């Protein structure tokens, strides 16, 4: 779903090669980057919650065995894929709707979540995800807006 989300965003834009940006074809539409980021954040929170529950159950469940471990590993791979596609979705939004998306990213729950996920005590995949999104924010978020570039 997240991959399709990114593809739809980019399909609804034309690439401005000179400005190195995407120009939304639906300017003035009801597409609100803040709402889209909120939906992506909700999916991220749900994914992280599922992972935390699995880890806690593995720690306290006395009947935890190889079958359950294999099922959890499979679920973990699925969640890692979701995490990747959520990052791609954020990147697509930043590419196609800069600088509005950057503003929403910096002012909303994403900023706190990414700052937390980048901490040394977090899992490596969480740190990688945070860096990936922050790099996209720095690269694409400001667009041609000098004020947004300074804020980034």
N, C-alpha and C. Protein backbone atom coordinates (compact mmCIF):
# COMPACT_ATOMS: atom_id res chain seq x y z
N UNK A 1 0.83 -1.19 0.00
CA UNK A 1 0.00 0.00 0.00
C UNK A 1 0.87 1.26 0.00
N UNK A 2 1.95 1.24 0.79
CA UNK A 2 2.82 2.41 0.85
C UNK A 2 3.54 2.62 -0.48
N UNK A 3 3.93 1.54 -1.13
CA UNK A 3 4.58 1.65 -2.43
C UNK A 3 3.61 2.26 -3.45
N UNK A 4 2.38 1.81 -3.41
CA UNK A 4 1.36 2.36 -4.31
C UNK A 4 1.10 3.83 -4.00
N UNK A 5 1.13 4.18 -2.74
CA UNK A 5 0.95 5.57 -2.31
C UNK A 5 2.01 6.46 -2.97
N UNK A 6 3.27 6.06 -2.87
CA UNK A 6 4.36 6.83 -3.46
C UNK A 6 4.23 6.92 -4.97
N UNK A 7 3.89 5.81 -5.60
CA UNK A 7 3.75 5.80 -7.06
C UNK A 7 2.61 6.72 -7.50
N UNK A 8 1.51 6.73 -6.77
CA UNK A 8 0.38 7.60 -7.10
C UNK A 8 0.77 9.07 -6.96
N UNK A 9 1.50 9.39 -5.89
CA UNK A 9 1.93 10.77 -5.71
C UNK A 9 2.82 11.23 -6.86
N UNK A 10 3.77 10.39 -7.21
CA UNK A 10 4.70 10.78 -8.27
C UNK A 10 4.03 10.77 -9.64
N UNK A 11 3.03 9.91 -9.84
CA UNK A 11 2.31 9.89 -11.11
C UNK A 11 1.45 11.15 -11.26
N UNK A 12 1.03 11.73 -10.16
CA UNK A 12 0.22 12.94 -10.19
C UNK A 12 1.05 14.20 -10.31
N UNK A 13 2.31 14.06 -10.69
CA UNK A 13 3.21 15.20 -10.78
C UNK A 13 3.98 15.12 -12.09
N UNK A 14 4.51 16.26 -12.49
CA UNK A 14 5.44 16.24 -13.62
C UNK A 14 6.78 16.68 -13.08
N UNK A 15 7.81 16.10 -13.60
CA UNK A 15 9.16 16.40 -13.12
C UNK A 15 9.65 17.67 -13.81
N UNK A 16 10.06 18.64 -13.03
CA UNK A 16 10.65 19.88 -13.53
C UNK A 16 12.16 19.68 -13.48
N UNK A 17 12.74 19.28 -14.61
CA UNK A 17 14.16 18.91 -14.66
C UNK A 17 15.04 20.10 -14.30
N UNK A 18 14.69 21.30 -14.79
CA UNK A 18 15.51 22.47 -14.51
C UNK A 18 15.56 22.80 -13.02
N UNK A 19 14.42 22.74 -12.36
CA UNK A 19 14.36 23.06 -10.94
C UNK A 19 14.68 21.86 -10.06
N UNK A 20 14.83 20.68 -10.66
CA UNK A 20 15.10 19.43 -9.94
C UNK A 20 14.02 19.16 -8.88
N UNK A 21 12.77 19.41 -9.25
CA UNK A 21 11.65 19.16 -8.34
C UNK A 21 10.51 18.52 -9.14
N UNK A 22 9.51 18.10 -8.39
CA UNK A 22 8.26 17.63 -8.99
C UNK A 22 7.25 18.75 -8.84
N UNK A 23 6.42 18.94 -9.84
CA UNK A 23 5.36 19.94 -9.78
C UNK A 23 4.03 19.22 -9.77
N UNK A 24 3.29 19.30 -8.66
CA UNK A 24 1.99 18.62 -8.60
C UNK A 24 1.06 19.10 -9.69
N UNK A 25 0.43 18.16 -10.35
CA UNK A 25 -0.54 18.50 -11.39
C UNK A 25 -1.87 18.90 -10.76
N UNK A 26 -2.06 18.57 -9.51
CA UNK A 26 -3.33 18.83 -8.84
C UNK A 26 -3.19 19.97 -7.83
N UNK A 27 -2.41 21.00 -8.15
CA UNK A 27 -2.28 22.15 -7.25
C UNK A 27 -3.67 22.67 -6.89
N UNK A 28 -3.85 23.02 -5.64
CA UNK A 28 -5.14 23.51 -5.20
C UNK A 28 -6.14 22.40 -4.92
N UNK A 29 -5.68 21.14 -5.02
CA UNK A 29 -6.58 20.03 -4.73
C UNK A 29 -6.69 19.86 -3.21
N UNK A 30 -7.40 18.87 -2.80
CA UNK A 30 -7.61 18.64 -1.37
C UNK A 30 -6.49 17.79 -0.76
N UNK A 31 -5.45 17.54 -1.53
CA UNK A 31 -4.33 16.74 -1.05
C UNK A 31 -3.56 17.56 -0.01
N UNK A 32 -3.65 17.16 1.23
CA UNK A 32 -3.01 17.88 2.32
C UNK A 32 -1.83 17.07 2.85
N UNK A 33 -0.61 17.55 2.62
CA UNK A 33 0.57 16.80 3.08
C UNK A 33 0.54 16.48 4.58
N UNK A 34 0.03 17.39 5.40
CA UNK A 34 -0.01 17.14 6.85
C UNK A 34 -0.90 15.94 7.17
N UNK A 35 -2.04 15.84 6.48
CA UNK A 35 -2.93 14.70 6.73
C UNK A 35 -2.32 13.40 6.23
N UNK A 36 -1.65 13.46 5.09
CA UNK A 36 -1.00 12.26 4.56
C UNK A 36 0.13 11.82 5.49
N UNK A 37 0.91 12.78 5.98
CA UNK A 37 1.98 12.43 6.92
C UNK A 37 1.40 11.84 8.21
N UNK A 38 0.27 12.36 8.64
CA UNK A 38 -0.37 11.84 9.83
C UNK A 38 -0.79 10.38 9.63
N UNK A 39 -1.32 10.08 8.45
CA UNK A 39 -1.71 8.70 8.14
C UNK A 39 -0.48 7.79 8.10
N UNK A 40 0.61 8.26 7.48
CA UNK A 40 1.84 7.47 7.45
C UNK A 40 2.39 7.27 8.86
N UNK A 41 2.28 8.32 9.69
CA UNK A 41 2.77 8.21 11.07
C UNK A 41 1.95 7.19 11.85
N UNK A 42 0.66 7.16 11.63
CA UNK A 42 -0.19 6.17 12.31
C UNK A 42 0.22 4.76 11.91
N UNK A 43 0.52 4.56 10.63
CA UNK A 43 0.97 3.24 10.17
C UNK A 43 2.33 2.90 10.79
N UNK A 44 3.21 3.88 10.91
CA UNK A 44 4.51 3.67 11.55
C UNK A 44 4.33 3.28 13.01
N UNK A 45 3.49 4.02 13.73
CA UNK A 45 3.25 3.73 15.14
C UNK A 45 2.68 2.32 15.33
N UNK A 46 1.76 1.93 14.47
CA UNK A 46 1.17 0.58 14.56
C UNK A 46 2.23 -0.49 14.30
N UNK A 47 3.11 -0.24 13.35
CA UNK A 47 4.17 -1.20 13.04
C UNK A 47 5.13 -1.34 14.21
N UNK A 48 5.53 -0.23 14.79
CA UNK A 48 6.44 -0.27 15.94
C UNK A 48 5.78 -0.92 17.14
N UNK A 49 4.48 -0.68 17.31
CA UNK A 49 3.75 -1.29 18.43
C UNK A 49 3.68 -2.82 18.27
N UNK A 50 3.40 -3.28 17.05
CA UNK A 50 3.36 -4.74 16.81
C UNK A 50 4.71 -5.37 17.14
N UNK A 51 5.76 -4.71 16.71
CA UNK A 51 7.10 -5.24 16.97
C UNK A 51 7.40 -5.28 18.46
N UNK A 52 7.01 -4.24 19.20
CA UNK A 52 7.24 -4.20 20.64
C UNK A 52 6.46 -5.29 21.36
N UNK A 53 5.23 -5.51 20.93
CA UNK A 53 4.40 -6.56 21.55
C UNK A 53 5.03 -7.93 21.31
N UNK A 54 5.49 -8.18 20.08
CA UNK A 54 6.13 -9.47 19.80
C UNK A 54 7.37 -9.67 20.67
N UNK A 55 8.17 -8.62 20.81
CA UNK A 55 9.39 -8.73 21.63
C UNK A 55 9.05 -8.99 23.09
N UNK A 56 8.03 -8.32 23.60
CA UNK A 56 7.62 -8.52 24.99
C UNK A 56 7.07 -9.93 25.20
N UNK A 57 6.26 -10.40 24.27
CA UNK A 57 5.72 -11.75 24.39
C UNK A 57 6.82 -12.79 24.35
N UNK A 58 7.82 -12.58 23.52
CA UNK A 58 8.94 -13.53 23.43
C UNK A 58 9.71 -13.57 24.74
N UNK A 59 9.75 -12.46 25.45
CA UNK A 59 10.49 -12.38 26.70
C UNK A 59 9.75 -13.07 27.85
N UNK A 60 8.44 -12.90 27.91
CA UNK A 60 7.68 -13.40 29.07
C UNK A 60 6.96 -14.72 28.83
N UNK A 61 6.78 -15.11 27.58
CA UNK A 61 6.03 -16.33 27.28
C UNK A 61 6.90 -17.56 27.55
N UNK A 62 6.47 -18.36 28.52
CA UNK A 62 7.22 -19.56 28.88
C UNK A 62 7.11 -20.64 27.81
N UNK A 63 6.07 -20.57 26.98
CA UNK A 63 5.86 -21.57 25.93
C UNK A 63 6.42 -21.13 24.58
N UNK A 64 7.22 -20.08 24.58
CA UNK A 64 7.79 -19.56 23.33
C UNK A 64 8.75 -20.60 22.77
N UNK A 65 8.50 -21.03 21.54
CA UNK A 65 9.31 -22.10 20.95
C UNK A 65 9.77 -21.71 19.54
N UNK A 66 10.38 -22.67 18.86
CA UNK A 66 10.91 -22.41 17.53
C UNK A 66 9.82 -22.06 16.52
N UNK A 67 8.65 -22.66 16.67
CA UNK A 67 7.54 -22.38 15.76
C UNK A 67 7.12 -20.92 15.92
N UNK A 68 6.97 -20.49 17.17
CA UNK A 68 6.59 -19.10 17.43
C UNK A 68 7.69 -18.15 16.98
N UNK A 69 8.95 -18.53 17.19
CA UNK A 69 10.07 -17.69 16.78
C UNK A 69 10.08 -17.52 15.26
N UNK A 70 9.81 -18.59 14.53
CA UNK A 70 9.75 -18.52 13.06
C UNK A 70 8.62 -17.60 12.61
N UNK A 71 7.46 -17.73 13.26
CA UNK A 71 6.32 -16.86 12.92
C UNK A 71 6.65 -15.40 13.22
N UNK A 72 7.32 -15.16 14.35
CA UNK A 72 7.71 -13.79 14.70
C UNK A 72 8.75 -13.24 13.73
N UNK A 73 9.66 -14.09 13.29
CA UNK A 73 10.66 -13.65 12.30
C UNK A 73 9.98 -13.24 11.00
N UNK A 74 8.99 -14.02 10.60
CA UNK A 74 8.25 -13.70 9.37
C UNK A 74 7.50 -12.38 9.53
N UNK A 75 6.86 -12.19 10.68
CA UNK A 75 6.17 -10.93 10.95
C UNK A 75 7.17 -9.77 11.00
N UNK A 76 8.35 -10.02 11.54
CA UNK A 76 9.39 -9.00 11.60
C UNK A 76 9.84 -8.57 10.21
N UNK A 77 9.97 -9.53 9.31
CA UNK A 77 10.34 -9.21 7.93
C UNK A 77 9.25 -8.38 7.26
N UNK A 78 8.01 -8.72 7.54
CA UNK A 78 6.89 -7.95 6.98
C UNK A 78 6.92 -6.52 7.52
N UNK A 79 7.14 -6.38 8.82
CA UNK A 79 7.19 -5.05 9.41
C UNK A 79 8.39 -4.25 8.90
N UNK A 80 9.51 -4.91 8.65
CA UNK A 80 10.67 -4.21 8.07
C UNK A 80 10.35 -3.70 6.68
N UNK A 81 9.61 -4.50 5.93
CA UNK A 81 9.18 -4.07 4.59
C UNK A 81 8.23 -2.88 4.69
N UNK A 82 7.32 -2.92 5.63
CA UNK A 82 6.39 -1.81 5.83
C UNK A 82 7.17 -0.55 6.20
N UNK A 83 8.15 -0.69 7.09
CA UNK A 83 8.98 0.45 7.49
C UNK A 83 9.67 1.06 6.28
N UNK A 84 10.22 0.21 5.42
CA UNK A 84 10.88 0.70 4.21
C UNK A 84 9.91 1.48 3.33
N UNK A 85 8.72 0.94 3.12
CA UNK A 85 7.75 1.59 2.26
C UNK A 85 7.18 2.86 2.88
N UNK A 86 7.10 2.91 4.21
CA UNK A 86 6.69 4.15 4.86
C UNK A 86 7.73 5.25 4.60
N UNK A 87 8.99 4.88 4.66
CA UNK A 87 10.05 5.83 4.34
C UNK A 87 9.96 6.29 2.90
N UNK A 88 9.68 5.36 2.00
CA UNK A 88 9.50 5.71 0.59
C UNK A 88 8.31 6.66 0.41
N UNK A 89 7.24 6.40 1.15
CA UNK A 89 6.06 7.27 1.07
C UNK A 89 6.38 8.69 1.53
N UNK A 90 7.12 8.80 2.62
CA UNK A 90 7.55 10.12 3.09
C UNK A 90 8.42 10.80 2.05
N UNK A 91 9.34 10.06 1.47
CA UNK A 91 10.21 10.62 0.44
C UNK A 91 9.42 11.09 -0.76
N UNK A 92 8.42 10.33 -1.16
CA UNK A 92 7.58 10.73 -2.29
C UNK A 92 6.82 12.01 -1.98
N UNK A 93 6.29 12.09 -0.77
CA UNK A 93 5.59 13.31 -0.37
C UNK A 93 6.54 14.51 -0.36
N UNK A 94 7.74 14.31 0.15
CA UNK A 94 8.73 15.39 0.18
C UNK A 94 9.13 15.81 -1.23
N UNK A 95 9.24 14.85 -2.13
CA UNK A 95 9.61 15.16 -3.51
C UNK A 95 8.50 15.92 -4.23
N UNK A 96 7.27 15.53 -3.99
CA UNK A 96 6.17 16.05 -4.79
C UNK A 96 5.47 17.25 -4.19
N UNK A 97 5.58 17.46 -2.90
CA UNK A 97 4.83 18.55 -2.26
C UNK A 97 5.70 19.36 -1.31
N UNK A 98 6.90 19.70 -1.77
CA UNK A 98 7.79 20.55 -0.99
C UNK A 98 7.35 21.99 -1.17
N UNK A 99 7.50 22.85 -0.22
CA UNK A 99 8.01 22.68 1.13
C UNK A 99 6.92 22.40 2.16
N UNK A 100 5.65 22.27 1.70
CA UNK A 100 4.55 22.04 2.65
C UNK A 100 4.77 20.78 3.48
N UNK A 101 5.28 19.74 2.84
CA UNK A 101 5.51 18.48 3.55
C UNK A 101 6.60 18.65 4.60
N UNK A 102 7.66 19.39 4.25
CA UNK A 102 8.74 19.62 5.22
C UNK A 102 8.21 20.34 6.44
N UNK A 103 7.38 21.35 6.23
CA UNK A 103 6.80 22.09 7.35
C UNK A 103 5.98 21.15 8.23
N UNK A 104 5.14 20.33 7.61
CA UNK A 104 4.31 19.39 8.37
C UNK A 104 5.18 18.37 9.10
N UNK A 105 6.27 17.95 8.46
CA UNK A 105 7.17 16.97 9.07
C UNK A 105 7.86 17.56 10.29
N UNK A 106 8.32 18.79 10.19
CA UNK A 106 9.04 19.42 11.30
C UNK A 106 8.12 19.84 12.43
N UNK A 107 6.87 20.17 12.12
CA UNK A 107 5.95 20.66 13.14
C UNK A 107 5.11 19.57 13.79
N UNK A 108 5.07 18.42 13.20
CA UNK A 108 4.18 17.37 13.69
C UNK A 108 4.87 16.31 14.53
N UNK A 109 4.19 15.21 14.70
CA UNK A 109 4.69 14.10 15.52
C UNK A 109 5.91 13.43 14.90
N UNK A 110 6.08 13.60 13.58
CA UNK A 110 7.21 12.97 12.90
C UNK A 110 8.55 13.43 13.47
N UNK A 111 8.68 14.73 13.76
CA UNK A 111 9.96 15.25 14.24
C UNK A 111 10.37 14.55 15.54
N UNK A 112 9.44 14.41 16.46
CA UNK A 112 9.74 13.73 17.72
C UNK A 112 10.04 12.25 17.50
N UNK A 113 9.26 11.61 16.64
CA UNK A 113 9.44 10.18 16.38
C UNK A 113 10.81 9.94 15.76
N UNK A 114 11.18 10.75 14.77
CA UNK A 114 12.47 10.56 14.10
C UNK A 114 13.63 10.85 15.05
N UNK A 115 13.49 11.87 15.88
CA UNK A 115 14.54 12.17 16.87
C UNK A 115 14.71 10.99 17.82
N UNK A 116 13.61 10.39 18.24
CA UNK A 116 13.69 9.23 19.14
C UNK A 116 14.30 8.02 18.43
N UNK A 117 13.87 7.78 17.19
CA UNK A 117 14.34 6.60 16.46
C UNK A 117 15.83 6.70 16.11
N UNK A 118 16.37 7.90 16.09
CA UNK A 118 17.78 8.09 15.75
C UNK A 118 18.71 7.90 16.95
N UNK A 119 18.17 7.69 18.12
CA UNK A 119 18.99 7.55 19.33
C UNK A 119 19.81 6.26 19.30
N UNK A 120 21.00 6.29 19.88
CA UNK A 120 21.89 5.11 19.86
C UNK A 120 21.28 3.86 20.48
N UNK A 121 20.39 4.01 21.47
CA UNK A 121 19.82 2.84 22.13
C UNK A 121 18.72 2.18 21.30
N UNK A 122 18.28 2.81 20.22
CA UNK A 122 17.25 2.22 19.36
C UNK A 122 17.86 1.18 18.43
N UNK A 123 17.01 0.36 17.86
CA UNK A 123 17.48 -0.67 16.94
C UNK A 123 18.13 -0.03 15.72
N UNK A 124 19.06 -0.76 15.14
CA UNK A 124 19.76 -0.25 13.96
C UNK A 124 18.79 0.07 12.82
N UNK A 125 17.79 -0.77 12.61
CA UNK A 125 16.84 -0.53 11.52
C UNK A 125 16.03 0.74 11.78
N UNK A 126 15.76 1.06 13.04
CA UNK A 126 15.05 2.31 13.36
C UNK A 126 15.94 3.51 13.07
N UNK A 127 17.20 3.40 13.45
CA UNK A 127 18.14 4.50 13.18
C UNK A 127 18.30 4.71 11.68
N UNK A 128 18.39 3.62 10.95
CA UNK A 128 18.50 3.69 9.49
C UNK A 128 17.27 4.37 8.88
N UNK A 129 16.10 4.01 9.36
CA UNK A 129 14.85 4.60 8.88
C UNK A 129 14.85 6.11 9.15
N UNK A 130 15.21 6.51 10.36
CA UNK A 130 15.23 7.93 10.71
C UNK A 130 16.19 8.71 9.81
N UNK A 131 17.36 8.16 9.59
CA UNK A 131 18.34 8.83 8.74
C UNK A 131 17.82 8.92 7.30
N UNK A 132 17.19 7.87 6.84
CA UNK A 132 16.64 7.84 5.48
C UNK A 132 15.62 8.96 5.28
N UNK A 133 14.71 9.10 6.23
CA UNK A 133 13.67 10.13 6.11
C UNK A 133 14.28 11.52 6.25
N UNK A 134 15.20 11.68 7.19
CA UNK A 134 15.84 12.99 7.37
C UNK A 134 16.64 13.38 6.12
N UNK A 135 17.34 12.43 5.53
CA UNK A 135 18.08 12.72 4.30
C UNK A 135 17.14 13.17 3.18
N UNK A 136 16.00 12.48 3.04
CA UNK A 136 15.02 12.89 2.04
C UNK A 136 14.47 14.29 2.36
N UNK A 137 14.26 14.56 3.64
CA UNK A 137 13.75 15.88 4.04
C UNK A 137 14.75 16.97 3.68
N UNK A 138 16.02 16.71 3.90
CA UNK A 138 17.05 17.70 3.58
C UNK A 138 17.22 17.85 2.07
N UNK A 139 17.14 16.74 1.35
CA UNK A 139 17.36 16.78 -0.09
C UNK A 139 16.18 17.36 -0.86
N UNK A 140 14.97 16.93 -0.52
CA UNK A 140 13.80 17.30 -1.31
C UNK A 140 12.87 18.29 -0.62
N UNK A 141 12.88 18.31 0.70
CA UNK A 141 11.90 19.09 1.46
C UNK A 141 11.84 20.56 1.17
N UNK A 142 13.00 21.24 1.11
CA UNK A 142 12.92 22.68 0.90
C UNK A 142 12.43 23.09 -0.48
N UNK A 143 12.57 22.22 -1.47
CA UNK A 143 12.19 22.61 -2.82
C UNK A 143 12.98 23.84 -3.22
N UNK A 144 12.33 24.80 -3.81
CA UNK A 144 12.99 26.04 -4.19
C UNK A 144 12.80 27.14 -3.18
N UNK A 145 12.24 26.83 -2.01
CA UNK A 145 11.92 27.82 -0.99
C UNK A 145 13.13 28.06 -0.09
N UNK A 146 13.68 29.28 -0.11
CA UNK A 146 14.86 29.60 0.69
C UNK A 146 14.58 29.53 2.19
N UNK A 147 13.41 29.96 2.62
CA UNK A 147 13.06 29.90 4.05
C UNK A 147 12.99 28.45 4.52
N UNK A 148 12.41 27.59 3.70
CA UNK A 148 12.34 26.16 4.06
C UNK A 148 13.72 25.55 4.09
N UNK A 149 14.58 25.95 3.16
CA UNK A 149 15.96 25.45 3.12
C UNK A 149 16.70 25.84 4.40
N UNK A 150 16.53 27.06 4.85
CA UNK A 150 17.17 27.54 6.08
C UNK A 150 16.65 26.77 7.29
N UNK A 151 15.36 26.51 7.32
CA UNK A 151 14.76 25.77 8.44
C UNK A 151 15.24 24.32 8.48
N UNK A 152 15.38 23.72 7.30
CA UNK A 152 15.84 22.34 7.22
C UNK A 152 17.28 22.26 7.72
